[in-house]
C-alpha atoms as a PDB file:
ATOM      1  CA  MET A   1      18.551 127.569 201.089  1.00  0.00           C
ATOM      2  CA  SER A   2      21.498 127.411 203.640  1.00  0.00           C
ATOM      3  CA  THR A   3      23.085 130.294 201.977  1.00  0.00           C
ATOM      4  CA  ALA A   4      20.111 132.327 202.140  1.00  0.00           C
ATOM      5  CA  ASN A   5      20.182 131.861 205.954  1.00  0.00           C
ATOM      6  CA  THR A   6      24.133 132.317 206.305  1.00  0.00           C
ATOM      7  CA  ASP A   7      23.548 135.714 204.135  1.00  0.00           C
ATOM      8  CA  GLU A   8      20.611 137.033 206.462  1.00  0.00           C
ATOM      9  CA  GLN A   9      22.381 135.861 209.780  1.00  0.00           C
ATOM     10  CA  MET A  10      25.644 137.859 208.307  1.00  0.00           C
ATOM     11  CA  ARG A  11      23.300 140.776 207.663  1.00  0.00           C
ATOM     12  CA  TYR A  12      22.031 140.787 211.199  1.00  0.00           C
ATOM     13  CA  GLU A  13      25.501 140.439 212.898  1.00  0.00           C
ATOM     14  CA  LEU A  14      26.789 143.110 210.616  1.00  0.00           C
ATOM     15  CA  LEU A  15      24.153 145.558 211.508  1.00  0.00           C
ATOM     16  CA  ALA A  16      24.285 144.912 215.127  1.00  0.00           C
ATOM     17  CA  ARG A  17      27.852 145.493 215.010  1.00  0.00           C
ATOM     18  CA  GLU A  18      27.276 148.783 213.405  1.00  0.00           C
ATOM     19  CA  MET A  19      24.984 149.996 215.881  1.00  0.00           C
ATOM     20  CA  PHE A  20      26.938 148.835 218.631  1.00  0.00           C
ATOM     21  CA  LEU A  21      29.895 151.074 216.986  1.00  0.00           C
ATOM     22  CA  SER A  22      27.455 153.901 216.568  1.00  0.00           C
ATOM     23  CA  ASP A  23      26.110 153.537 220.329  1.00  0.00           C
ATOM     24  CA  LEU A  24      30.019 153.958 221.373  1.00  0.00           C
ATOM     25  CA  ALA A  25      30.933 156.389 219.416  1.00  0.00           C
ATOM     26  CA  THR A  26      27.953 158.553 220.904  1.00  0.00           C
ATOM     27  CA  ASP A  27      28.732 157.523 224.384  1.00  0.00           C
ATOM     28  CA  LEU A  28      32.588 158.618 224.031  1.00  0.00           C
ATOM     29  CA  ASP A  29      31.382 161.768 222.581  1.00  0.00           C
ATOM     30  CA  ALA A  30      29.056 162.712 225.160  1.00  0.00           C
ATOM     31  CA  ALA A  31      31.854 161.941 227.914  1.00  0.00           C
ATOM     32  CA  GLU A  32      34.175 164.166 226.017  1.00  0.00           C
ATOM     33  CA  LYS A  33      31.949 166.868 226.006  1.00  0.00           C
ATOM     34  CA  LYS A  34      31.276 166.343 229.869  1.00  0.00           C
ATOM     35  CA  GLY A  35      34.942 166.377 230.419  1.00  0.00           C
ATOM     36  CA  ILE A  36      35.536 169.688 228.650  1.00  0.00           C
ATOM     37  CA  GLU A  37      32.588 171.204 230.514  1.00  0.00           C
ATOM     38  CA  LYS A  38      34.215 169.977 234.076  1.00  0.00           C
ATOM     39  CA  GLY A  39      37.458 171.453 233.249  1.00  0.00           C
ATOM     40  CA  ILE A  40      35.784 174.687 231.833  1.00  0.00           C
ATOM     41  CA  GLU A  41      34.167 174.890 235.624  1.00  0.00           C
ATOM     42  CA  LYS A  42      37.283 174.027 236.827  1.00  0.00           C
ATOM     43  CA  VAL A  43      39.008 177.030 235.278  1.00  0.00           C
ATOM     44  CA  ALA A  44      36.030 179.554 236.284  1.00  0.00           C
ATOM     45  CA  LEU A  45      36.031 178.663 239.732  1.00  0.00           C
ATOM     46  CA  LYS A  46      39.953 179.018 239.945  1.00  0.00           C
ATOM     47  CA  MET A  47      39.183 182.607 238.478  1.00  0.00           C
ATOM     48  CA  LEU A  48      36.682 183.208 240.717  1.00  0.00           C
ATOM     49  CA  ALA A  49      38.855 182.304 244.004  1.00  0.00           C
ATOM     50  CA  LYS A  50      41.474 184.590 242.476  1.00  0.00           C
ATOM     51  CA  LYS A  51      38.852 187.368 242.473  1.00  0.00           C
ATOM     52  CA  LYS A  52      38.804 187.892 238.867  1.00  0.00           C
ATOM     53  CA  SER A  53      35.439 189.722 237.535  1.00  0.00           C
ATOM     54  CA  PHE A  54      32.672 187.678 235.688  1.00  0.00           C
ATOM     55  CA  GLU A  55      33.342 189.282 232.473  1.00  0.00           C
ATOM     56  CA  GLU A  56      37.117 188.471 232.742  1.00  0.00           C
ATOM     57  CA  ILE A  57      35.925 184.904 233.471  1.00  0.00           C
ATOM     58  CA  ALA A  58      33.352 184.887 230.620  1.00  0.00           C
ATOM     59  CA  GLU A  59      35.677 185.977 228.193  1.00  0.00           C
ATOM     60  CA  ALA A  60      38.119 183.223 228.900  1.00  0.00           C
ATOM     61  CA  THR A  61      35.659 180.363 229.416  1.00  0.00           C
ATOM     62  CA  ASP A  62      32.808 181.257 226.805  1.00  0.00           C
ATOM     63  CA  LEU A  63      30.397 180.732 229.771  1.00  0.00           C
ATOM     64  CA  THR A  64      27.612 183.354 230.257  1.00  0.00           C
ATOM     65  CA  ILE A  65      27.439 185.727 233.251  1.00  0.00           C
ATOM     66  CA  ASP A  66      24.516 183.960 234.594  1.00  0.00           C
ATOM     67  CA  GLN A  67      26.397 180.527 234.403  1.00  0.00           C
ATOM     68  CA  ILE A  68      29.181 181.844 236.481  1.00  0.00           C
ATOM     69  CA  LYS A  69      26.892 183.314 238.936  1.00  0.00           C
ATOM     70  CA  ALA A  70      25.129 180.066 239.331  1.00  0.00           C
ATOM     71  CA  LEU A  71      28.451 178.165 239.482  1.00  0.00           C
ATOM     72  CA  ALA A  72      29.732 180.674 242.047  1.00  0.00           C
ATOM     73  CA  SER A  73      26.656 180.301 244.338  1.00  0.00           C
ATOM     74  CA  LYS A  74      26.692 176.784 243.912  1.00  0.00           C
ATOM     75  CA  ASN A  75      30.193 176.183 245.082  1.00  0.00           C
ATOM     76  CA  GLN A  76      29.798 179.135 247.794  1.00  0.00           C
ATOM     77  CA  LEU A  77      33.274 180.613 247.463  1.00  0.00           C
ATOM     78  CA  CYS A  78      34.081 181.717 250.945  1.00  0.00           C
ATOM     79  CA  GLU A  79      36.652 183.551 252.683  1.00  0.00           C
ATOM     80  CA  GLY A  80      38.920 181.748 255.059  1.00  0.00           C
ATOM     81  CA  ALA A  81      37.583 181.427 258.450  1.00  0.00           C
ATOM     82  CA  VAL A  82      38.751 184.267 260.985  1.00  0.00           C
ATOM     83  CA  PRO A  83      40.320 182.789 264.280  1.00  0.00           C
ATOM     84  CA  TYR A  84      37.811 183.297 267.398  1.00  0.00           C
ATOM     85  CA  LYS A  85      39.156 185.892 269.582  1.00  0.00           C
ATOM     86  CA  THR A  86      37.823 185.686 273.450  1.00  0.00           C
ATOM     87  CA  ALA A  87      37.129 188.879 275.181  1.00  0.00           C
ATOM     88  CA  ARG A  88      39.854 190.105 277.384  1.00  0.00           C
ATOM     89  CA  LYS A  89      39.114 190.171 281.301  1.00  0.00           C
ATOM     90  CA  ARG A  90      38.813 193.189 282.717  1.00  0.00           C
ATOM     91  CA  LYS A  91      41.369 193.565 285.788  1.00  0.00           C
ATOM     92  CA  THR A  92      39.575 194.580 288.777  1.00  0.00           C
ATOM     93  CA  THR A  93      41.308 197.084 290.764  1.00  0.00           C
ATOM     94  CA  THR A  94      40.217 197.329 294.463  1.00  0.00           C
END
């Protein structure tokens, strides 16, 4: 009878290990996909900063134009600030 209990315990441990490894593989796959997506977004943002067209970015990254527009609006790429110039004082002639 103790052999049957040992076999059942072993099956349980092997099943638990198999489930753990499956979960680990799923987590690693999801992390890899997320990393690739972040890399593609980074490339698209750099291309937007270099004034590339949406079509060029879509071709290079396989993103849709709508995805690129959403990414651009989300990150609000804006021009550098222009220094503030004060108005010149007029010379008064008396």
